[in-house]
Amino acid sequence: MSLTHCTPLNVKHAALATEGGLPLLTRTVLFARVLVAPVCPAESSPSPADCQPQPLQAAVVLQTSDGSVDIAVLNSNGEGYLGLGLVGLPAGAYRLHPLSPRPGLPPFPPADLMVMVETEGVTFVEIMYDSGIR
């Protein structure tokens, strides 16, 4: 599995954690999978294997927790995976703002997601888009 392209928008806003004025190198990782569902009309529970949520290529903006600063644009790959391992990305709260692949048309992005990035660990998030199928 490969991680995807990460485009920093304004690195100076991705404030580095510091200790004694020097950057504190952290090993925080934000990892997500972008999916779309439903993929079959009138799905029953449990869903047949071919009606499970499907991977989606989409862009998600990583923002400060209040949404005032865009830190990076993350693009999921063909398997729906996106990852961000920024050296110095401080642990803390962030907002994920999923973008519409086709504005006004399905699949529709979910509302913004708040995520807490942990120190020295991997934070996993599932981002579920709505296919519009009913």
C-alpha atoms as a PDB file:
ATOM      1  CA  MET A   1       0.000   0.000   0.000  1.00  0.00           C
ATOM      2  CA  SER A   2       1.336   3.420  -0.880  1.00  0.00           C
ATOM      3  CA  LEU A   3       0.615   6.693   0.839  1.00  0.00           C
ATOM      4  CA  THR A   4      -0.439   9.637  -1.186  1.00  0.00           C
ATOM      5  CA  HIS A   5       0.675  13.066  -2.169  1.00  0.00           C
ATOM      6  CA  CYS A   6       0.638  15.704   0.555  1.00  0.00           C
ATOM      7  CA  THR A   7       0.783  19.329  -0.516  1.00  0.00           C
ATOM      8  CA  PRO A   8       1.793  21.755   2.251  1.00  0.00           C
ATOM      9  CA  LEU A   9      -0.094  25.023   1.779  1.00  0.00           C
ATOM     10  CA  ASN A  10       1.779  27.235   4.191  1.00  0.00           C
ATOM     11  CA  VAL A  11       4.379  25.445   6.253  1.00  0.00           C
ATOM     12  CA  LYS A  12       4.887  28.395   8.609  1.00  0.00           C
ATOM     13  CA  HIS A  13       1.353  27.791   9.905  1.00  0.00           C
ATOM     14  CA  ALA A  14       2.161  24.170  10.750  1.00  0.00           C
ATOM     15  CA  ALA A  15       3.706  25.400  13.971  1.00  0.00           C
ATOM     16  CA  LEU A  16       6.481  23.162  15.197  1.00  0.00           C
ATOM     17  CA  ALA A  17       6.453  21.952  18.745  1.00  0.00           C
ATOM     18  CA  THR A  18       9.479  23.433  20.454  1.00  0.00           C
ATOM     19  CA  GLU A  19      11.606  22.713  23.453  1.00  0.00           C
ATOM     20  CA  GLY A  20      14.084  25.376  24.485  1.00  0.00           C
ATOM     21  CA  GLY A  21      13.498  27.206  21.183  1.00  0.00           C
ATOM     22  CA  LEU A  22      14.554  24.192  19.106  1.00  0.00           C
ATOM     23  CA  PRO A  23      12.096  22.098  17.075  1.00  0.00           C
ATOM     24  CA  LEU A  24      10.899  19.019  18.932  1.00  0.00           C
ATOM     25  CA  LEU A  25      10.802  16.182  16.421  1.00  0.00           C
ATOM     26  CA  THR A  26       7.646  14.191  16.962  1.00  0.00           C
ATOM     27  CA  ARG A  27       6.568  10.972  15.344  1.00  0.00           C
ATOM     28  CA  THR A  28       2.895  11.742  14.962  1.00  0.00           C
ATOM     29  CA  VAL A  29       1.058  10.205  12.045  1.00  0.00           C
ATOM     30  CA  LEU A  30      -2.416  10.954  10.767  1.00  0.00           C
ATOM     31  CA  PHE A  31      -3.701   8.143   8.580  1.00  0.00           C
ATOM     32  CA  ALA A  32      -7.137   7.898   6.982  1.00  0.00           C
ATOM     33  CA  ARG A  33      -9.199   5.912   4.538  1.00  0.00           C
ATOM     34  CA  VAL A  34     -11.721   7.624   2.287  1.00  0.00           C
ATOM     35  CA  LEU A  35     -14.750   5.500   1.407  1.00  0.00           C
ATOM     36  CA  VAL A  36     -18.096   5.960  -0.337  1.00  0.00           C
ATOM     37  CA  ALA A  37     -21.393   4.250   0.549  1.00  0.00           C
ATOM     38  CA  PRO A  38     -23.973   3.004  -0.053  1.00  0.00           C
ATOM     39  CA  VAL A  39     -22.964   1.319  -3.295  1.00  0.00           C
ATOM     40  CA  CYS A  40     -26.104  -0.815  -3.735  1.00  0.00           C
ATOM     41  CA  PRO A  41     -29.722   0.410  -3.609  1.00  0.00           C
ATOM     42  CA  ALA A  42     -31.722  -0.577  -0.520  1.00  0.00           C
ATOM     43  CA  GLU A  43     -28.862  -2.344   1.226  1.00  0.00           C
ATOM     44  CA  SER A  44     -29.784  -4.893   3.836  1.00  0.00           C
ATOM     45  CA  SER A  45     -27.892  -5.650   7.011  1.00  0.00           C
ATOM     46  CA  PRO A  46     -25.441  -7.314   6.874  1.00  0.00           C
ATOM     47  CA  SER A  47     -24.468  -6.069   3.418  1.00  0.00           C
ATOM     48  CA  PRO A  48     -23.313  -8.536   0.763  1.00  0.00           C
ATOM     49  CA  ALA A  49     -19.567  -8.377   0.111  1.00  0.00           C
ATOM     50  CA  ASP A  50     -20.022  -6.503  -3.182  1.00  0.00           C
ATOM     51  CA  CYS A  51     -22.123  -3.833  -1.407  1.00  0.00           C
ATOM     52  CA  GLN A  52     -19.479  -2.852   1.156  1.00  0.00           C
ATOM     53  CA  PRO A  53     -18.219   0.756   1.139  1.00  0.00           C
ATOM     54  CA  GLN A  54     -15.785   1.341  -1.717  1.00  0.00           C
ATOM     55  CA  PRO A  55     -12.497   3.289  -1.775  1.00  0.00           C
ATOM     56  CA  LEU A  56     -12.705   6.828  -3.128  1.00  0.00           C
ATOM     57  CA  GLN A  57     -10.094   9.201  -4.528  1.00  0.00           C
ATOM     58  CA  ALA A  58     -10.752  12.592  -2.968  1.00  0.00           C
ATOM     59  CA  ALA A  59      -8.980  15.570  -1.464  1.00  0.00           C
ATOM     60  CA  VAL A  60      -9.152  16.409   2.230  1.00  0.00           C
ATOM     61  CA  VAL A  61      -7.820  19.649   3.717  1.00  0.00           C
ATOM     62  CA  LEU A  62      -6.020  19.393   7.065  1.00  0.00           C
ATOM     63  CA  GLN A  63      -6.798  22.538   9.057  1.00  0.00           C
ATOM     64  CA  THR A  64      -6.201  23.983  12.477  1.00  0.00           C
ATOM     65  CA  SER A  65      -8.932  22.947  14.921  1.00  0.00           C
ATOM     66  CA  ASP A  66     -10.874  26.168  14.369  1.00  0.00           C
ATOM     67  CA  GLY A  67     -10.649  25.821  10.574  1.00  0.00           C
ATOM     68  CA  SER A  68      -8.942  29.198  10.197  1.00  0.00           C
ATOM     69  CA  VAL A  69      -5.675  27.906   8.668  1.00  0.00           C
ATOM     70  CA  ASP A  70      -5.191  25.285   5.959  1.00  0.00           C
ATOM     71  CA  ILE A  71      -2.108  23.211   6.789  1.00  0.00           C
ATOM     72  CA  ALA A  72      -2.059  20.677   3.938  1.00  0.00           C
ATOM     73  CA  VAL A  73      -4.157  19.159   1.164  1.00  0.00           C
ATOM     74  CA  LEU A  74      -4.187  15.359   1.301  1.00  0.00           C
ATOM     75  CA  ASN A  75      -5.200  13.299  -1.727  1.00  0.00           C
ATOM     76  CA  SER A  76      -6.329   9.718  -1.248  1.00  0.00           C
ATOM     77  CA  ASN A  77      -5.003   7.088  -3.614  1.00  0.00           C
ATOM     78  CA  GLY A  78      -7.000   4.548  -5.651  1.00  0.00           C
ATOM     79  CA  GLU A  79      -7.442   2.398  -2.546  1.00  0.00           C
ATOM     80  CA  GLY A  80      -8.840   5.352  -0.598  1.00  0.00           C
ATOM     81  CA  TYR A  81      -5.817   5.709   1.684  1.00  0.00           C
ATOM     82  CA  LEU A  82      -4.215   8.965   2.624  1.00  0.00           C
ATOM     83  CA  GLY A  83      -1.541   9.552   5.172  1.00  0.00           C
ATOM     84  CA  LEU A  84       0.345  12.360   6.722  1.00  0.00           C
ATOM     85  CA  GLY A  85       3.473  11.918   8.757  1.00  0.00           C
ATOM     86  CA  LEU A  86       4.829  15.395   9.299  1.00  0.00           C
ATOM     87  CA  VAL A  87       7.946  15.756  11.390  1.00  0.00           C
ATOM     88  CA  GLY A  88       7.006  18.329  13.966  1.00  0.00           C
ATOM     89  CA  LEU A  89       3.238  18.110  13.477  1.00  0.00           C
ATOM     90  CA  PRO A  90       2.249  18.799  17.052  1.00  0.00           C
ATOM     91  CA  ALA A  91      -0.075  16.434  18.801  1.00  0.00           C
ATOM     92  CA  GLY A  92      -3.425  18.085  19.279  1.00  0.00           C
ATOM     93  CA  ALA A  93      -6.780  18.775  17.693  1.00  0.00           C
ATOM     94  CA  TYR A  94      -7.144  19.264  13.943  1.00  0.00           C
ATOM     95  CA  ARG A  95     -10.039  19.619  11.541  1.00  0.00           C
ATOM     96  CA  LEU A  96     -10.349  17.524   8.377  1.00  0.00           C
ATOM     97  CA  HIS A  97     -12.360  19.274   5.676  1.00  0.00           C
ATOM     98  CA  PRO A  98     -13.318  16.737   2.959  1.00  0.00           C
ATOM     99  CA  LEU A  99     -13.683  18.290  -0.492  1.00  0.00           C
ATOM    100  CA  SER A 100     -16.236  17.303  -3.104  1.00  0.00           C
ATOM    101  CA  PRO A 101     -14.689  15.449  -6.072  1.00  0.00           C
ATOM    102  CA  ARG A 102     -17.478  16.935  -8.237  1.00  0.00           C
ATOM    103  CA  PRO A 103     -19.105  19.945  -6.534  1.00  0.00           C
ATOM    104  CA  GLY A 104     -22.895  19.686  -6.538  1.00  0.00           C
ATOM    105  CA  LEU A 105     -22.854  16.049  -7.677  1.00  0.00           C
ATOM    106  CA  PRO A 106     -22.396  12.779  -5.804  1.00  0.00           C
ATOM    107  CA  PRO A 107     -20.456  11.566  -4.017  1.00  0.00           C
ATOM    108  CA  PHE A 108     -21.133  14.150  -1.330  1.00  0.00           C
ATOM    109  CA  PRO A 109     -18.472  14.845   1.304  1.00  0.00           C
ATOM    110  CA  PRO A 110     -19.267  14.445   4.987  1.00  0.00           C
ATOM    111  CA  ALA A 111     -19.246  17.351   7.407  1.00  0.00           C
ATOM    112  CA  ASP A 112     -15.862  18.428   8.730  1.00  0.00           C
ATOM    113  CA  LEU A 113     -14.298  15.930  11.124  1.00  0.00           C
ATOM    114  CA  MET A 114     -12.427  16.819  14.283  1.00  0.00           C
ATOM    115  CA  VAL A 115      -9.460  14.575  14.965  1.00  0.00           C
ATOM    116  CA  MET A 116      -7.085  14.372  17.911  1.00  0.00           C
ATOM    117  CA  VAL A 117      -3.548  13.539  16.785  1.00  0.00           C
ATOM    118  CA  GLU A 118      -1.706  11.650  19.515  1.00  0.00           C
ATOM    119  CA  THR A 119       1.963  12.044  20.413  1.00  0.00           C
ATOM    120  CA  GLU A 120       4.239   9.203  19.293  1.00  0.00           C
ATOM    121  CA  GLY A 121       1.476   7.248  17.627  1.00  0.00           C
ATOM    122  CA  VAL A 122      -0.819   6.696  14.685  1.00  0.00           C
ATOM    123  CA  THR A 123      -4.247   8.302  14.569  1.00  0.00           C
ATOM    124  CA  PHE A 124      -6.648   6.565  12.160  1.00  0.00           C
ATOM    125  CA  VAL A 125      -9.773   8.185  10.737  1.00  0.00           C
ATOM    126  CA  GLU A 126     -12.414   6.824   8.362  1.00  0.00           C
ATOM    127  CA  ILE A 127     -13.949   9.436   6.067  1.00  0.00           C
ATOM    128  CA  MET A 128     -17.267   8.291   4.587  1.00  0.00           C
ATOM    129  CA  TYR A 129     -18.699  10.059   1.549  1.00  0.00           C
ATOM    130  CA  ASP A 130     -22.368   9.675   0.580  1.00  0.00           C
ATOM    131  CA  SER A 131     -22.903   8.116  -2.851  1.00  0.00           C
ATOM    132  CA  GLY A 132     -26.454   9.436  -3.111  1.00  0.00           C
ATOM    133  CA  ILE A 133     -27.757   5.929  -3.866  1.00  0.00           C
ATOM    134  CA  ARG A 134     -30.962   5.156  -1.985  1.00  0.00           C
END
